[in-house]
mmCIF file of all heavy atoms, coordinates in Angstrom:
data_MODEL
# 
_entry.id   MODEL 
# 
loop_
_atom_site.group_PDB 
_atom_site.id 
_atom_site.type_symbol 
_atom_site.label_atom_id 
_atom_site.label_alt_id 
_atom_site.label_comp_id 
_atom_site.label_asym_id 
_atom_site.label_entity_id 
_atom_site.label_seq_id 
_atom_site.pdbx_PDB_ins_code 
_atom_site.Cartn_x 
_atom_site.Cartn_y 
_atom_site.Cartn_z 
_atom_site.occupancy 
_atom_site.B_iso_or_equiv 
_atom_site.pdbx_formal_charge 
_atom_site.auth_seq_id 
_atom_site.auth_comp_id 
_atom_site.auth_asym_id 
_atom_site.auth_atom_id 
_atom_site.pdbx_PDB_model_num 
ATOM 1   N N   . PHE A 1 1  ? -119.828 -73.439 -5.074  1.00 0.00 ? 1  PHE A N   1 
ATOM 2   C CA  . PHE A 1 1  ? -119.887 -73.974 -3.708  1.00 0.00 ? 1  PHE A CA  1 
ATOM 3   C C   . PHE A 1 1  ? -118.883 -75.103 -3.558  1.00 0.00 ? 1  PHE A C   1 
ATOM 4   O O   . PHE A 1 1  ? -118.620 -75.855 -4.492  1.00 0.00 ? 1  PHE A O   1 
ATOM 5   C CB  . PHE A 1 1  ? -121.268 -74.523 -3.399  1.00 0.00 ? 1  PHE A CB  1 
ATOM 6   C CG  . PHE A 1 1  ? -122.382 -73.499 -3.305  1.00 0.00 ? 1  PHE A CG  1 
ATOM 7   C CD1 . PHE A 1 1  ? -122.206 -72.184 -3.682  1.00 0.00 ? 1  PHE A CD1 1 
ATOM 8   C CD2 . PHE A 1 1  ? -123.628 -73.886 -2.818  1.00 0.00 ? 1  PHE A CD2 1 
ATOM 9   C CE1 . PHE A 1 1  ? -123.227 -71.258 -3.589  1.00 0.00 ? 1  PHE A CE1 1 
ATOM 10  C CE2 . PHE A 1 1  ? -124.669 -72.965 -2.717  1.00 0.00 ? 1  PHE A CE2 1 
ATOM 11  C CZ  . PHE A 1 1  ? -124.467 -71.655 -3.115  1.00 0.00 ? 1  PHE A CZ  1 
ATOM 12  N N   . THR A 1 2  ? -118.317 -75.223 -2.374  1.00 0.00 ? 2  THR A N   1 
ATOM 13  C CA  . THR A 1 2  ? -117.483 -76.357 -2.023  1.00 0.00 ? 2  THR A CA  1 
ATOM 14  C C   . THR A 1 2  ? -117.869 -76.852 -0.634  1.00 0.00 ? 2  THR A C   1 
ATOM 15  O O   . THR A 1 2  ? -118.526 -76.132 0.131   1.00 0.00 ? 2  THR A O   1 
ATOM 16  C CB  . THR A 1 2  ? -115.983 -75.999 -2.031  1.00 0.00 ? 2  THR A CB  1 
ATOM 17  O OG1 . THR A 1 2  ? -115.748 -74.940 -1.084  1.00 0.00 ? 2  THR A OG1 1 
ATOM 18  C CG2 . THR A 1 2  ? -115.517 -75.568 -3.414  1.00 0.00 ? 2  THR A CG2 1 
ATOM 19  N N   . ILE A 1 3  ? -117.468 -78.072 -0.338  1.00 0.00 ? 3  ILE A N   1 
ATOM 20  C CA  . ILE A 1 3  ? -117.737 -78.677 0.971   1.00 0.00 ? 3  ILE A CA  1 
ATOM 21  C C   . ILE A 1 3  ? -116.426 -79.168 1.552   1.00 0.00 ? 3  ILE A C   1 
ATOM 22  O O   . ILE A 1 3  ? -115.605 -79.767 0.845   1.00 0.00 ? 3  ILE A O   1 
ATOM 23  C CB  . ILE A 1 3  ? -118.724 -79.854 0.852   1.00 0.00 ? 3  ILE A CB  1 
ATOM 24  C CG1 . ILE A 1 3  ? -120.105 -79.365 0.419   1.00 0.00 ? 3  ILE A CG1 1 
ATOM 25  C CG2 . ILE A 1 3  ? -118.839 -80.598 2.186   1.00 0.00 ? 3  ILE A CG2 1 
ATOM 26  C CD1 . ILE A 1 3  ? -121.099 -80.496 0.152   1.00 0.00 ? 3  ILE A CD1 1 
ATOM 27  N N   . SER A 1 4  ? -116.253 -78.925 2.832   1.00 0.00 ? 4  SER A N   1 
ATOM 28  C CA  . SER A 1 4  ? -115.107 -79.491 3.526   1.00 0.00 ? 4  SER A CA  1 
ATOM 29  C C   . SER A 1 4  ? -115.604 -80.179 4.799   1.00 0.00 ? 4  SER A C   1 
ATOM 30  O O   . SER A 1 4  ? -116.644 -79.803 5.354   1.00 0.00 ? 4  SER A O   1 
ATOM 31  C CB  . SER A 1 4  ? -114.063 -78.426 3.859   1.00 0.00 ? 4  SER A CB  1 
ATOM 32  O OG  . SER A 1 4  ? -114.612 -77.394 4.636   1.00 0.00 ? 4  SER A OG  1 
ATOM 33  N N   . LYS A 1 5  ? -114.860 -81.162 5.229   1.00 0.00 ? 5  LYS A N   1 
ATOM 34  C CA  . LYS A 1 5  ? -115.263 -81.985 6.387   1.00 0.00 ? 5  LYS A CA  1 
ATOM 35  C C   . LYS A 1 5  ? -114.046 -82.223 7.260   1.00 0.00 ? 5  LYS A C   1 
ATOM 36  O O   . LYS A 1 5  ? -112.994 -82.650 6.760   1.00 0.00 ? 5  LYS A O   1 
ATOM 37  C CB  . LYS A 1 5  ? -115.849 -83.310 5.882   1.00 0.00 ? 5  LYS A CB  1 
ATOM 38  C CG  . LYS A 1 5  ? -116.453 -84.230 6.943   1.00 0.00 ? 5  LYS A CG  1 
ATOM 39  C CD  . LYS A 1 5  ? -117.078 -85.439 6.250   1.00 0.00 ? 5  LYS A CD  1 
ATOM 40  C CE  . LYS A 1 5  ? -117.883 -86.321 7.223   1.00 0.00 ? 5  LYS A CE  1 
ATOM 41  N NZ  . LYS A 1 5  ? -117.044 -87.303 7.862   1.00 0.00 ? 5  LYS A NZ  1 
ATOM 42  N N   . ASP A 1 6  ? -114.198 -81.953 8.524   1.00 0.00 ? 6  ASP A N   1 
ATOM 43  C CA  . ASP A 1 6  ? -113.117 -82.176 9.474   1.00 0.00 ? 6  ASP A CA  1 
ATOM 44  C C   . ASP A 1 6  ? -113.584 -83.198 10.508  1.00 0.00 ? 6  ASP A C   1 
ATOM 45  O O   . ASP A 1 6  ? -114.394 -82.863 11.388  1.00 0.00 ? 6  ASP A O   1 
ATOM 46  C CB  . ASP A 1 6  ? -112.713 -80.865 10.153  1.00 0.00 ? 6  ASP A CB  1 
ATOM 47  C CG  . ASP A 1 6  ? -111.457 -80.998 11.012  1.00 0.00 ? 6  ASP A CG  1 
ATOM 48  O OD1 . ASP A 1 6  ? -111.198 -82.097 11.544  1.00 0.00 ? 6  ASP A OD1 1 
ATOM 49  O OD2 . ASP A 1 6  ? -110.748 -79.999 11.166  1.00 0.00 ? 6  ASP A OD2 1 
ATOM 50  N N   . ASN A 1 7  ? -113.118 -84.410 10.392  1.00 0.00 ? 7  ASN A N   1 
ATOM 51  C CA  . ASN A 1 7  ? -113.566 -85.473 11.280  1.00 0.00 ? 7  ASN A CA  1 
ATOM 52  C C   . ASN A 1 7  ? -113.089 -85.269 12.720  1.00 0.00 ? 7  ASN A C   1 
ATOM 53  O O   . ASN A 1 7  ? -113.720 -85.760 13.654  1.00 0.00 ? 7  ASN A O   1 
ATOM 54  C CB  . ASN A 1 7  ? -113.113 -86.821 10.764  1.00 0.00 ? 7  ASN A CB  1 
ATOM 55  C CG  . ASN A 1 7  ? -113.876 -87.235 9.521   1.00 0.00 ? 7  ASN A CG  1 
ATOM 56  O OD1 . ASN A 1 7  ? -115.021 -86.823 9.320   1.00 0.00 ? 7  ASN A OD1 1 
ATOM 57  N ND2 . ASN A 1 7  ? -113.262 -88.030 8.670   1.00 0.00 ? 7  ASN A ND2 1 
ATOM 58  N N   . ALA A 1 8  ? -112.019 -84.535 12.891  1.00 0.00 ? 8  ALA A N   1 
ATOM 59  C CA  . ALA A 1 8  ? -111.525 -84.274 14.245  1.00 0.00 ? 8  ALA A CA  1 
ATOM 60  C C   . ALA A 1 8  ? -112.423 -83.283 14.981  1.00 0.00 ? 8  ALA A C   1 
ATOM 61  O O   . ALA A 1 8  ? -112.504 -83.299 16.209  1.00 0.00 ? 8  ALA A O   1 
ATOM 62  C CB  . ALA A 1 8  ? -110.097 -83.748 14.189  1.00 0.00 ? 8  ALA A CB  1 
ATOM 63  N N   . LYS A 1 9  ? -113.093 -82.428 14.222  1.00 0.00 ? 9  LYS A N   1 
ATOM 64  C CA  . LYS A 1 9  ? -113.968 -81.416 14.808  1.00 0.00 ? 9  LYS A CA  1 
ATOM 65  C C   . LYS A 1 9  ? -115.439 -81.760 14.687  1.00 0.00 ? 9  LYS A C   1 
ATOM 66  O O   . LYS A 1 9  ? -116.302 -80.976 15.095  1.00 0.00 ? 9  LYS A O   1 
ATOM 67  C CB  . LYS A 1 9  ? -113.696 -80.059 14.153  1.00 0.00 ? 9  LYS A CB  1 
ATOM 68  C CG  . LYS A 1 9  ? -112.294 -79.520 14.387  1.00 0.00 ? 9  LYS A CG  1 
ATOM 69  C CD  . LYS A 1 9  ? -112.111 -78.160 13.745  1.00 0.00 ? 9  LYS A CD  1 
ATOM 70  C CE  . LYS A 1 9  ? -110.714 -77.613 14.034  1.00 0.00 ? 9  LYS A CE  1 
ATOM 71  N NZ  . LYS A 1 9  ? -110.492 -76.285 13.389  1.00 0.00 ? 9  LYS A NZ  1 
ATOM 72  N N   . ASN A 1 10 ? -115.741 -82.912 14.107  1.00 0.00 ? 10 ASN A N   1 
ATOM 73  C CA  . ASN A 1 10 ? -117.146 -83.315 13.899  1.00 0.00 ? 10 ASN A CA  1 
ATOM 74  C C   . ASN A 1 10 ? -117.942 -82.213 13.207  1.00 0.00 ? 10 ASN A C   1 
ATOM 75  O O   . ASN A 1 10 ? -119.093 -81.937 13.565  1.00 0.00 ? 10 ASN A O   1 
ATOM 76  C CB  . ASN A 1 10 ? -117.806 -83.669 15.241  1.00 0.00 ? 10 ASN A CB  1 
ATOM 77  C CG  . ASN A 1 10 ? -117.467 -85.066 15.699  1.00 0.00 ? 10 ASN A CG  1 
ATOM 78  O OD1 . ASN A 1 10 ? -116.502 -85.676 15.216  1.00 0.00 ? 10 ASN A OD1 1 
ATOM 79  N ND2 . ASN A 1 10 ? -118.218 -85.583 16.648  1.00 0.00 ? 10 ASN A ND2 1 
ATOM 80  N N   . THR A 1 11 ? -117.333 -81.614 12.218  1.00 0.00 ? 11 THR A N   1 
ATOM 81  C CA  . THR A 1 11 ? -117.955 -80.478 11.548  1.00 0.00 ? 11 THR A CA  1 
ATOM 82  C C   . THR A 1 11 ? -117.789 -80.588 10.036  1.00 0.00 ? 11 THR A C   1 
ATOM 83  O O   . THR A 1 11 ? -116.743 -81.018 9.541   1.00 0.00 ? 11 THR A O   1 
ATOM 84  C CB  . THR A 1 11 ? -117.333 -79.151 12.034  1.00 0.00 ? 11 THR A CB  1 
ATOM 85  O OG1 . THR A 1 11 ? -117.486 -79.048 13.453  1.00 0.00 ? 11 THR A OG1 1 
ATOM 86  C CG2 . THR A 1 11 ? -118.009 -77.957 11.378  1.00 0.00 ? 11 THR A CG2 1 
ATOM 87  N N   . VAL A 1 12 ? -118.844 -80.181 9.348   1.00 0.00 ? 12 VAL A N   1 
ATOM 88  C CA  . VAL A 1 12 ? -118.800 -80.085 7.895   1.00 0.00 ? 12 VAL A CA  1 
ATOM 89  C C   . VAL A 1 12 ? -119.213 -78.662 7.524   1.00 0.00 ? 12 VAL A C   1 
ATOM 90  O O   . VAL A 1 12 ? -120.079 -78.077 8.164   1.00 0.00 ? 12 VAL A O   1 
ATOM 91  C CB  . VAL A 1 12 ? -119.712 -81.142 7.229   1.00 0.00 ? 12 VAL A CB  1 
ATOM 92  C CG1 . VAL A 1 12 ? -121.167 -80.976 7.627   1.00 0.00 ? 12 VAL A CG1 1 
ATOM 93  C CG2 . VAL A 1 12 ? -119.550 -81.117 5.723   1.00 0.00 ? 12 VAL A CG2 1 
ATOM 94  N N   . TRP A 1 13 ? -118.558 -78.121 6.509   1.00 0.00 ? 13 TRP A N   1 
ATOM 95  C CA  . TRP A 1 13 ? -118.825 -76.755 6.085   1.00 0.00 ? 13 TRP A CA  1 
ATOM 96  C C   . TRP A 1 13 ? -119.283 -76.713 4.635   1.00 0.00 ? 13 TRP A C   1 
ATOM 97  O O   . TRP A 1 13 ? -118.834 -77.515 3.799   1.00 0.00 ? 13 TRP A O   1 
ATOM 98  C CB  . TRP A 1 13 ? -117.553 -75.896 6.188   1.00 0.00 ? 13 TRP A CB  1 
ATOM 99  C CG  . TRP A 1 13 ? -117.057 -75.677 7.573   1.00 0.00 ? 13 TRP A CG  1 
ATOM 100 C CD1 . TRP A 1 13 ? -117.418 -74.686 8.430   1.00 0.00 ? 13 TRP A CD1 1 
ATOM 101 C CD2 . TRP A 1 13 ? -116.077 -76.450 8.271   1.00 0.00 ? 13 TRP A CD2 1 
ATOM 102 N NE1 . TRP A 1 13 ? -116.725 -74.801 9.614   1.00 0.00 ? 13 TRP A NE1 1 
ATOM 103 C CE2 . TRP A 1 13 ? -115.897 -75.875 9.542   1.00 0.00 ? 13 TRP A CE2 1 
ATOM 104 C CE3 . TRP A 1 13 ? -115.333 -77.588 7.937   1.00 0.00 ? 13 TRP A CE3 1 
ATOM 105 C CZ2 . TRP A 1 13 ? -115.008 -76.386 10.483  1.00 0.00 ? 13 TRP A CZ2 1 
ATOM 106 C CZ3 . TRP A 1 13 ? -114.450 -78.111 8.878   1.00 0.00 ? 13 TRP A CZ3 1 
ATOM 107 C CH2 . TRP A 1 13 ? -114.304 -77.509 10.130  1.00 0.00 ? 13 TRP A CH2 1 
ATOM 108 N N   . LEU A 1 14 ? -120.150 -75.758 4.358   1.00 0.00 ? 14 LEU A N   1 
ATOM 109 C CA  . LEU A 1 14 ? -120.551 -75.464 2.989   1.00 0.00 ? 14 LEU A CA  1 
ATOM 110 C C   . LEU A 1 14 ? -120.042 -74.056 2.687   1.00 0.00 ? 14 LEU A C   1 
ATOM 111 O O   . LEU A 1 14 ? -120.496 -73.084 3.280   1.00 0.00 ? 14 LEU A O   1 
ATOM 112 C CB  . LEU A 1 14 ? -122.076 -75.521 2.831   1.00 0.00 ? 14 LEU A CB  1 
ATOM 113 C CG  . LEU A 1 14 ? -122.605 -75.167 1.445   1.00 0.00 ? 14 LEU A CG  1 
ATOM 114 C CD1 . LEU A 1 14 ? -122.171 -76.227 0.430   1.00 0.00 ? 14 LEU A CD1 1 
ATOM 115 C CD2 . LEU A 1 14 ? -124.139 -75.070 1.467   1.00 0.00 ? 14 LEU A CD2 1 
ATOM 116 N N   . HIS A 1 15 ? -119.086 -73.979 1.774   1.00 0.00 ? 15 HIS A N   1 
ATOM 117 C CA  . HIS A 1 15 ? -118.499 -72.706 1.391   1.00 0.00 ? 15 HIS A CA  1 
ATOM 118 C C   . HIS A 1 15 ? -119.211 -72.222 0.135   1.00 0.00 ? 15 HIS A C   1 
ATOM 119 O O   . HIS A 1 15 ? -119.173 -72.900 -0.898  1.00 0.00 ? 15 HIS A O   1 
ATOM 120 C CB  . HIS A 1 15 ? -117.006 -72.877 1.094   1.00 0.00 ? 15 HIS A CB  1 
ATOM 121 C CG  . HIS A 1 15 ? -116.240 -73.540 2.189   1.00 0.00 ? 15 HIS A CG  1 
ATOM 122 N ND1 . HIS A 1 15 ? -115.575 -72.825 3.174   1.00 0.00 ? 15 HIS A ND1 1 
ATOM 123 C CD2 . HIS A 1 15 ? -116.022 -74.851 2.467   1.00 0.00 ? 15 HIS A CD2 1 
ATOM 124 C CE1 . HIS A 1 15 ? -114.987 -73.672 4.002   1.00 0.00 ? 15 HIS A CE1 1 
ATOM 125 N NE2 . HIS A 1 15 ? -115.242 -74.906 3.607   1.00 0.00 ? 15 HIS A NE2 1 
ATOM 126 N N   . MET A 1 16 ? -119.839 -71.052 0.250   1.00 0.00 ? 16 MET A N   1 
ATOM 127 C CA  . MET A 1 16 ? -120.658 -70.541 -0.847  1.00 0.00 ? 16 MET A CA  1 
ATOM 128 C C   . MET A 1 16 ? -120.062 -69.241 -1.361  1.00 0.00 ? 16 MET A C   1 
ATOM 129 O O   . MET A 1 16 ? -119.930 -68.276 -0.601  1.00 0.00 ? 16 MET A O   1 
ATOM 130 C CB  . MET A 1 16 ? -122.093 -70.320 -0.366  1.00 0.00 ? 16 MET A CB  1 
ATOM 131 C CG  . MET A 1 16 ? -122.716 -71.562 0.257   1.00 0.00 ? 16 MET A CG  1 
ATOM 132 S SD  . MET A 1 16 ? -124.464 -71.347 0.684   1.00 0.00 ? 16 MET A SD  1 
ATOM 133 C CE  . MET A 1 16 ? -124.341 -70.089 1.940   1.00 0.00 ? 16 MET A CE  1 
ATOM 134 N N   . ASN A 1 17 ? -119.713 -69.251 -2.631  1.00 0.00 ? 17 ASN A N   1 
ATOM 135 C CA  . ASN A 1 17 ? -119.133 -68.063 -3.274  1.00 0.00 ? 17 ASN A CA  1 
ATOM 136 C C   . ASN A 1 17 ? -120.021 -67.626 -4.436  1.00 0.00 ? 17 ASN A C   1 
ATOM 137 O O   . ASN A 1 17 ? -120.858 -68.391 -4.918  1.00 0.00 ? 17 ASN A O   1 
ATOM 138 C CB  . ASN A 1 17 ? -117.727 -68.383 -3.775  1.00 0.00 ? 17 ASN A CB  1 
ATOM 139 C CG  . ASN A 1 17 ? -116.783 -68.769 -2.656  1.00 0.00 ? 17 ASN A CG  1 
ATOM 140 O OD1 . ASN A 1 17 ? -116.686 -68.094 -1.640  1.00 0.00 ? 17 ASN A OD1 1 
ATOM 141 N ND2 . ASN A 1 17 ? -116.076 -69.877 -2.835  1.00 0.00 ? 17 ASN A ND2 1 
ATOM 142 N N   . SER A 1 18 ? -119.802 -66.395 -4.885  1.00 0.00 ? 18 SER A N   1 
ATOM 143 C CA  . SER A 1 18 ? -120.554 -65.847 -6.025  1.00 0.00 ? 18 SER A CA  1 
ATOM 144 C C   . SER A 1 18 ? -122.053 -66.077 -5.845  1.00 0.00 ? 18 SER A C   1 
ATOM 145 O O   . SER A 1 18 ? -122.736 -66.554 -6.763  1.00 0.00 ? 18 SER A O   1 
ATOM 146 C CB  . SER A 1 18 ? -120.062 -66.488 -7.332  1.00 0.00 ? 18 SER A CB  1 
ATOM 147 O OG  . SER A 1 18 ? -118.686 -66.264 -7.506  1.00 0.00 ? 18 SER A OG  1 
ATOM 148 N N   . LEU A 1 19 ? -122.534 -65.741 -4.692  1.00 0.00 ? 19 LEU A N   1 
ATOM 149 C CA  . LEU A 1 19 ? -123.943 -66.003 -4.379  1.00 0.00 ? 19 LEU A CA  1 
ATOM 150 C C   . LEU A 1 19 ? -124.881 -65.202 -5.253  1.00 0.00 ? 19 LEU A C   1 
ATOM 151 O O   . LEU A 1 19 ? -124.580 -64.058 -5.645  1.00 0.00 ? 19 LEU A O   1 
ATOM 152 C CB  . LEU A 1 19 ? -124.202 -65.713 -2.912  1.00 0.00 ? 19 LEU A CB  1 
ATOM 153 C CG  . LEU A 1 19 ? -123.708 -66.803 -1.954  1.00 0.00 ? 19 LEU A CG  1 
ATOM 154 C CD1 . LEU A 1 19 ? -123.578 -66.286 -0.538  1.00 0.00 ? 19 LEU A CD1 1 
ATOM 155 C CD2 . LEU A 1 19 ? -124.635 -68.008 -1.995  1.00 0.00 ? 19 LEU A CD2 1 
ATOM 156 N N   . LYS A 1 20 ? -126.015 -65.815 -5.565  1.00 0.00 ? 20 LYS A N   1 
ATOM 157 C CA  . LYS A 1 20 ? -127.031 -65.215 -6.408  1.00 0.00 ? 20 LYS A CA  1 
ATOM 158 C C   . LYS A 1 20 ? -128.335 -65.117 -5.623  1.00 0.00 ? 20 LYS A C   1 
ATOM 159 O O   . LYS A 1 20 ? -128.552 -65.898 -4.685  1.00 0.00 ? 20 LYS A O   1 
ATOM 160 C CB  . LYS A 1 20 ? -127.251 -66.081 -7.649  1.00 0.00 ? 20 LYS A CB  1 
ATOM 161 C CG  . LYS A 1 20 ? -125.992 -66.365 -8.453  1.00 0.00 ? 20 LYS A CG  1 
ATOM 162 C CD  . LYS A 1 20 ? -126.292 -67.326 -9.590  1.00 0.00 ? 20 LYS A CD  1 
ATOM 163 C CE  . LYS A 1 20 ? -125.048 -67.651 -10.394 1.00 0.00 ? 20 LYS A CE  1 
ATOM 164 N NZ  . LYS A 1 20 ? -125.343 -68.605 -11.498 1.00 0.00 ? 20 LYS A NZ  1 
ATOM 165 N N   . PRO A 1 21 ? -129.213 -64.211 -6.019  1.00 0.00 ? 21 PRO A N   1 
ATOM 166 C CA  . PRO A 1 21 ? -130.513 -64.130 -5.326  1.00 0.00 ? 21 PRO A CA  1 
ATOM 167 C C   . PRO A 1 21 ? -131.267 -65.461 -5.319  1.00 0.00 ? 21 PRO A C   1 
ATOM 168 O O   . PRO A 1 21 ? -131.965 -65.771 -4.350  1.00 0.00 ? 21 PRO A O   1 
ATOM 169 C CB  . PRO A 1 21 ? -131.261 -63.058 -6.127  1.00 0.00 ? 21 PRO A CB  1 
ATOM 170 C CG  . PRO A 1 21 ? -130.178 -62.186 -6.655  1.00 0.00 ? 21 PRO A CG  1 
ATOM 171 C CD  . PRO A 1 21 ? -129.040 -63.101 -6.977  1.00 0.00 ? 21 PRO A CD  1 
ATOM 172 N N   . GLU A 1 22 ? -131.115 -66.252 -6.356  1.00 0.00 ? 22 GLU A N   1 
ATOM 173 C CA  . GLU A 1 22 ? -131.805 -67.547 -6.415  1.00 0.00 ? 22 GLU A CA  1 
ATOM 174 C C   . GLU A 1 22 ? -131.224 -68.571 -5.450  1.00 0.00 ? 22 GLU A C   1 
ATOM 175 O O   . GLU A 1 22 ? -131.773 -69.660 -5.298  1.00 0.00 ? 22 GLU A O   1 
ATOM 176 C CB  . GLU A 1 22 ? -131.804 -68.110 -7.842  1.00 0.00 ? 22 GLU A CB  1 
ATOM 177 C CG  . GLU A 1 22 ? -130.451 -68.149 -8.502  1.00 0.00 ? 22 GLU A CG  1 
ATOM 178 C CD  . GLU A 1 22 ? -130.210 -66.949 -9.396  1.00 0.00 ? 22 GLU A CD  1 
ATOM 179 O OE1 . GLU A 1 22 ? -130.537 -65.797 -8.975  1.00 0.00 ? 22 GLU A OE1 1 
ATOM 180 O OE2 . GLU A 1 22 ? -129.687 -67.131 -10.508 1.00 0.00 ? 22 GLU A OE2 1 
ATOM 181 N N   . ASP A 1 23 ? -130.130 -68.248 -4.777  1.00 0.00 ? 23 ASP A N   1 
ATOM 182 C CA  . ASP A 1 23 ? -129.592 -69.125 -3.730  1.00 0.00 ? 23 ASP A CA  1 
ATOM 183 C C   . ASP A 1 23 ? -130.300 -68.895 -2.394  1.00 0.00 ? 23 ASP A C   1 
ATOM 184 O O   . ASP A 1 23 ? -130.040 -69.625 -1.421  1.00 0.00 ? 23 ASP A O   1 
ATOM 185 C CB  . ASP A 1 23 ? -128.095 -68.874 -3.537  1.00 0.00 ? 23 ASP A CB  1 
ATOM 186 C CG  . ASP A 1 23 ? -127.262 -69.279 -4.740  1.00 0.00 ? 23 ASP A CG  1 
ATOM 187 O OD1 . ASP A 1 23 ? -127.558 -70.338 -5.327  1.00 0.00 ? 23 ASP A OD1 1 
ATOM 188 O OD2 . ASP A 1 23 ? -126.336 -68.523 -5.096  1.00 0.00 ? 23 ASP A OD2 1 
ATOM 189 N N   . THR A 1 24 ? -131.182 -67.915 -2.342  1.00 0.00 ? 24 THR A N   1 
ATOM 190 C CA  . THR A 1 24 ? -131.925 -67.635 -1.115  1.00 0.00 ? 24 THR A CA  1 
ATOM 191 C C   . THR A 1 24 ? -132.780 -68.834 -0.726  1.00 0.00 ? 24 THR A C   1 
ATOM 192 O O   . THR A 1 24 ? -133.566 -69.336 -1.525  1.00 0.00 ? 24 THR A O   1 
ATOM 193 C CB  . THR A 1 24 ? -132.822 -66.403 -1.297  1.00 0.00 ? 24 THR A CB  1 
ATOM 194 O OG1 . THR A 1 24 ? -131.981 -65.251 -1.484  1.00 0.00 ? 24 THR A OG1 1 
ATOM 195 C CG2 . THR A 1 24 ? -133.716 -66.187 -0.084  1.00 0.00 ? 24 THR A CG2 1 
ATOM 196 N N   . ALA A 1 25 ? -132.585 -69.312 0.497   1.00 0.00 ? 25 ALA A N   1 
ATOM 197 C CA  . ALA A 1 25 ? -133.293 -70.502 0.979   1.00 0.00 ? 25 ALA A CA  1 
ATOM 198 C C   . ALA A 1 25 ? -132.885 -70.769 2.412   1.00 0.00 ? 25 ALA A C   1 
ATOM 199 O O   . ALA A 1 25 ? -131.946 -70.156 2.933   1.00 0.00 ? 25 ALA A O   1 
ATOM 200 C CB  . ALA A 1 25 ? -132.957 -71.721 0.112   1.00 0.00 ? 25 ALA A CB  1 
ATOM 201 N N   . VAL A 1 26 ? -133.587 -71.705 3.028   1.00 0.00 ? 26 VAL A N   1 
ATOM 202 C CA  . VAL A 1 26 ? -133.121 -72.282 4.285   1.00 0.00 ? 26 VAL A CA  1 
ATOM 203 C C   . VAL A 1 26 ? -132.230 -73.465 3.912   1.00 0.00 ? 26 VAL A C   1 
ATOM 204 O O   . VAL A 1 26 ? -132.638 -74.333 3.134   1.00 0.00 ? 26 VAL A O   1 
ATOM 205 C CB  . VAL A 1 26 ? -134.287 -72.740 5.168   1.00 0.00 ? 26 VAL A CB  1 
ATOM 206 C CG1 . VAL A 1 26 ? -133.749 -73.406 6.431   1.00 0.00 ? 26 VAL A CG1 1 
ATOM 207 C CG2 . VAL A 1 26 ? -135.179 -71.565 5.526   1.00 0.00 ? 26 VAL A CG2 1 
ATOM 208 N N   . TYR A 1 27 ? -131.039 -73.485 4.454   1.00 0.00 ? 27 TYR A N   1 
ATOM 209 C CA  . TYR A 1 27 ? -130.066 -74.529 4.148   1.00 0.00 ? 27 TYR A CA  1 
ATOM 210 C C   . TYR A 1 27 ? -130.015 -75.531 5.294   1.00 0.00 ? 27 TYR A C   1 
ATOM 211 O O   . TYR A 1 27 ? -129.913 -75.153 6.466   1.00 0.00 ? 27 TYR A O   1 
ATOM 212 C CB  . TYR A 1 27 ? -128.693 -73.914 3.913   1.00 0.00 ? 27 TYR A CB  1 
ATOM 213 C CG  . TYR A 1 27 ? -128.562 -73.278 2.550   1.00 0.00 ? 27 TYR A CG  1 
ATOM 214 C CD1 . TYR A 1 27 ? -129.248 -72.104 2.248   1.00 0.00 ? 27 TYR A CD1 1 
ATOM 215 C CD2 . TYR A 1 27 ? -127.803 -73.875 1.550   1.00 0.00 ? 27 TYR A CD2 1 
ATOM 216 C CE1 . TYR A 1 27 ? -129.173 -71.531 0.993   1.00 0.00 ? 27 TYR A CE1 1 
ATOM 217 C CE2 . TYR A 1 27 ? -127.704 -73.305 0.289   1.00 0.00 ? 27 TYR A CE2 1 
ATOM 218 C CZ  . TYR A 1 27 ? -128.395 -72.137 0.020   1.00 0.00 ? 27 TYR A CZ  1 
ATOM 219 O OH  . TYR A 1 27 ? -128.308 -71.579 -1.234  1.00 0.00 ? 27 TYR A OH  1 
ATOM 220 N N   . TYR A 1 28 ? -130.052 -76.813 4.906   1.00 0.00 ? 28 TYR A N   1 
ATOM 221 C CA  . TYR A 1 28 ? -130.077 -77.891 5.879   1.00 0.00 ? 28 TYR A CA  1 
ATOM 222 C C   . TYR A 1 28 ? -128.867 -78.805 5.701   1.00 0.00 ? 28 TYR A C   1 
ATOM 223 O O   . TYR A 1 28 ? -128.482 -79.132 4.571   1.00 0.00 ? 28 TYR A O   1 
ATOM 224 C CB  . TYR A 1 28 ? -131.334 -78.737 5.719   1.00 0.00 ? 28 TYR A CB  1 
ATOM 225 C CG  . TYR A 1 28 ? -132.620 -78.011 6.006   1.00 0.00 ? 28 TYR A CG  1 
ATOM 226 C CD1 . TYR A 1 28 ? -133.295 -77.331 4.999   1.00 0.00 ? 28 TYR A CD1 1 
ATOM 227 C CD2 . TYR A 1 28 ? -133.162 -78.007 7.295   1.00 0.00 ? 28 TYR A CD2 1 
ATOM 228 C CE1 . TYR A 1 28 ? -134.482 -76.666 5.259   1.00 0.00 ? 28 TYR A CE1 1 
ATOM 229 C CE2 . TYR A 1 28 ? -134.356 -77.340 7.555   1.00 0.00 ? 28 TYR A CE2 1 
ATOM 230 C CZ  . TYR A 1 28 ? -135.004 -76.675 6.541   1.00 0.00 ? 28 TYR A CZ  1 
ATOM 231 O OH  . TYR A 1 28 ? -136.178 -76.015 6.801   1.00 0.00 ? 28 TYR A OH  1 
# 
């Protein structure tokens, strides 16, 4: 996983790769 943040867009992203079944959840 990686995180990126764009202050001009007031947005933050969580980039999730190689996902596993144990990553199943509600993300906040």
